[in-house]
Amino acid sequence: MKGGLLIILYMVITAGSFIIVANYNREKLLKHQQEHPVKEQVKQRSSLEGKIKKWRKDTF
């Protein structure tokens, strides 16, 4: 009986610590993103599908 309670207590403490660490890391990431915003926009590469559609439209 005591062994089962210890296992359950261990699982609850482990899950709680994961939640606490995840919240701490999320706060750190948000703070870092606010302090260091992305300064330049990266141009999106054209897709192969778009190139093929353009080629078909221009060719036929």
N, C-alpha and C. Protein backbone atom coordinates (compact mmCIF):
# COMPACT_ATOMS: atom_id res chain seq x y z
N MET A 1 0.82 -1.19 0.00
CA MET A 1 0.00 0.00 0.00
C MET A 1 0.87 1.26 0.00
N LYS A 2 1.92 1.27 0.84
CA LYS A 2 2.77 2.44 0.91
C LYS A 2 3.56 2.61 -0.38
N GLY A 3 3.97 1.49 -0.98
CA GLY A 3 4.73 1.56 -2.24
C GLY A 3 3.90 2.18 -3.35
N GLY A 4 2.63 1.85 -3.41
CA GLY A 4 1.74 2.42 -4.43
C GLY A 4 1.56 3.91 -4.24
N LEU A 5 1.43 4.33 -2.99
CA LEU A 5 1.29 5.76 -2.70
C LEU A 5 2.56 6.51 -3.05
N LEU A 6 3.71 5.89 -2.79
CA LEU A 6 4.99 6.53 -3.13
C LEU A 6 5.13 6.70 -4.64
N ILE A 7 4.71 5.70 -5.39
CA ILE A 7 4.78 5.78 -6.85
C ILE A 7 3.86 6.88 -7.36
N ILE A 8 2.66 6.94 -6.84
CA ILE A 8 1.71 7.98 -7.26
C ILE A 8 2.25 9.36 -6.89
N LEU A 9 2.79 9.50 -5.68
CA LEU A 9 3.37 10.77 -5.25
C LEU A 9 4.54 11.16 -6.16
N TYR A 10 5.38 10.20 -6.51
CA TYR A 10 6.50 10.46 -7.41
C TYR A 10 6.00 10.94 -8.77
N MET A 11 4.96 10.30 -9.30
CA MET A 11 4.41 10.70 -10.61
C MET A 11 3.83 12.10 -10.55
N VAL A 12 3.13 12.44 -9.47
CA VAL A 12 2.54 13.77 -9.33
C VAL A 12 3.63 14.83 -9.23
N ILE A 13 4.66 14.57 -8.44
CA ILE A 13 5.76 15.53 -8.30
C ILE A 13 6.49 15.70 -9.62
N THR A 14 6.71 14.61 -10.36
CA THR A 14 7.38 14.69 -11.66
C THR A 14 6.55 15.51 -12.64
N ALA A 15 5.25 15.25 -12.72
CA ALA A 15 4.39 16.00 -13.63
C ALA A 15 4.35 17.47 -13.24
N GLY A 16 4.27 17.76 -11.96
CA GLY A 16 4.26 19.14 -11.50
C GLY A 16 5.55 19.86 -11.85
N SER A 17 6.68 19.18 -11.68
CA SER A 17 7.96 19.82 -12.01
C SER A 17 8.07 20.08 -13.50
N PHE A 18 7.57 19.18 -14.34
CA PHE A 18 7.57 19.41 -15.79
C PHE A 18 6.75 20.65 -16.14
N ILE A 19 5.60 20.81 -15.52
CA ILE A 19 4.75 21.97 -15.79
C ILE A 19 5.44 23.26 -15.35
N ILE A 20 6.05 23.24 -14.18
CA ILE A 20 6.74 24.43 -13.67
C ILE A 20 7.90 24.82 -14.58
N VAL A 21 8.71 23.84 -14.98
CA VAL A 21 9.85 24.12 -15.86
C VAL A 21 9.37 24.61 -17.22
N ALA A 22 8.30 24.03 -17.75
CA ALA A 22 7.78 24.46 -19.06
C ALA A 22 7.30 25.91 -19.00
N ASN A 23 6.60 26.29 -17.94
CA ASN A 23 6.15 27.67 -17.79
C ASN A 23 7.32 28.63 -17.66
N TYR A 24 8.35 28.23 -16.91
CA TYR A 24 9.54 29.07 -16.76
C TYR A 24 10.23 29.28 -18.11
N ASN A 25 10.38 28.20 -18.88
CA ASN A 25 11.03 28.31 -20.19
C ASN A 25 10.19 29.15 -21.15
N ARG A 26 8.87 29.02 -21.09
CA ARG A 26 7.99 29.81 -21.95
C ARG A 26 8.15 31.30 -21.64
N GLU A 27 8.20 31.64 -20.36
CA GLU A 27 8.39 33.04 -19.97
C GLU A 27 9.75 33.56 -20.44
N LYS A 28 10.79 32.73 -20.33
CA LYS A 28 12.11 33.15 -20.78
C LYS A 28 12.12 33.40 -22.29
N LEU A 29 11.48 32.52 -23.05
CA LEU A 29 11.43 32.69 -24.51
C LEU A 29 10.67 33.95 -24.89
N LEU A 30 9.53 34.20 -24.27
CA LEU A 30 8.76 35.39 -24.58
C LEU A 30 9.53 36.66 -24.24
N LYS A 31 10.22 36.65 -23.09
CA LYS A 31 11.01 37.81 -22.69
C LYS A 31 12.15 38.05 -23.69
N HIS A 32 12.80 36.98 -24.12
CA HIS A 32 13.91 37.11 -25.08
C HIS A 32 13.40 37.62 -26.43
N GLN A 33 12.24 37.15 -26.87
CA GLN A 33 11.68 37.61 -28.14
C GLN A 33 11.29 39.08 -28.08
N GLN A 34 10.82 39.55 -26.92
CA GLN A 34 10.47 40.96 -26.78
C GLN A 34 11.71 41.84 -26.76
N GLU A 35 12.78 41.35 -26.15
CA GLU A 35 14.02 42.13 -26.08
C GLU A 35 14.77 42.15 -27.40
N HIS A 36 14.69 41.05 -28.16
CA HIS A 36 15.43 40.93 -29.41
C HIS A 36 14.48 40.56 -30.55
N PRO A 37 13.69 41.52 -31.04
CA PRO A 37 12.77 41.19 -32.13
C PRO A 37 13.53 40.93 -33.43
N VAL A 38 12.89 40.24 -34.33
CA VAL A 38 13.49 39.96 -35.63
C VAL A 38 13.56 41.27 -36.39
N LYS A 39 14.76 41.62 -36.85
CA LYS A 39 14.96 42.94 -37.45
C LYS A 39 14.72 42.94 -38.95
N GLU A 40 14.93 41.85 -39.61
CA GLU A 40 14.76 41.83 -41.06
C GLU A 40 13.79 40.73 -41.46
N GLN A 41 13.02 41.01 -42.46
CA GLN A 41 12.09 40.01 -42.97
C GLN A 41 12.80 39.20 -44.05
N VAL A 42 12.76 37.91 -43.92
CA VAL A 42 13.40 37.03 -44.89
C VAL A 42 12.43 36.82 -46.04
N LYS A 43 12.90 37.06 -47.26
CA LYS A 43 12.04 36.90 -48.42
C LYS A 43 11.72 35.41 -48.60
N GLN A 44 10.44 35.14 -48.81
CA GLN A 44 10.00 33.76 -48.96
C GLN A 44 10.41 33.26 -50.33
N ARG A 45 10.98 32.08 -50.37
CA ARG A 45 11.40 31.50 -51.63
C ARG A 45 10.18 31.07 -52.44
N SER A 46 10.28 31.21 -53.75
CA SER A 46 9.16 30.79 -54.59
C SER A 46 9.12 29.27 -54.64
N SER A 47 7.93 28.74 -54.71
CA SER A 47 7.77 27.30 -54.68
C SER A 47 7.90 26.73 -56.09
N LEU A 48 8.22 25.46 -56.15
CA LEU A 48 8.34 24.78 -57.43
C LEU A 48 6.98 24.75 -58.13
N GLU A 49 5.91 24.57 -57.36
CA GLU A 49 4.57 24.55 -57.93
C GLU A 49 4.25 25.89 -58.60
N GLY A 50 4.63 26.98 -57.94
CA GLY A 50 4.40 28.31 -58.53
C GLY A 50 5.18 28.50 -59.81
N LYS A 51 6.42 28.00 -59.84
CA LYS A 51 7.24 28.11 -61.05
C LYS A 51 6.62 27.32 -62.20
N ILE A 52 6.10 26.13 -61.90
CA ILE A 52 5.49 25.29 -62.94
C ILE A 52 4.23 25.95 -63.48
N LYS A 53 3.39 26.51 -62.59
CA LYS A 53 2.17 27.18 -63.04
C LYS A 53 2.51 28.38 -63.92
N LYS A 54 3.52 29.14 -63.54
CA LYS A 54 3.94 30.29 -64.33
C LYS A 54 4.46 29.84 -65.69
N TRP A 55 5.25 28.77 -65.71
CA TRP A 55 5.80 28.24 -66.96
C TRP A 55 4.67 27.79 -67.89
N ARG A 56 3.66 27.07 -67.34
CA ARG A 56 2.54 26.60 -68.16
C ARG A 56 1.75 27.77 -68.71
N LYS A 57 1.54 28.80 -67.86
CA LYS A 57 0.78 29.96 -68.30
C LYS A 57 1.53 30.71 -69.41
N ASP A 58 2.83 30.85 -69.26
CA ASP A 58 3.63 31.56 -70.25
C ASP A 58 3.84 30.75 -71.52
N THR A 59 3.91 29.44 -71.41
CA THR A 59 4.23 28.59 -72.56
C THR A 59 2.99 28.26 -73.39
N PHE A 60 1.88 27.96 -72.74
CA PHE A 60 0.70 27.49 -73.48
C PHE A 60 -0.34 28.54 -73.57
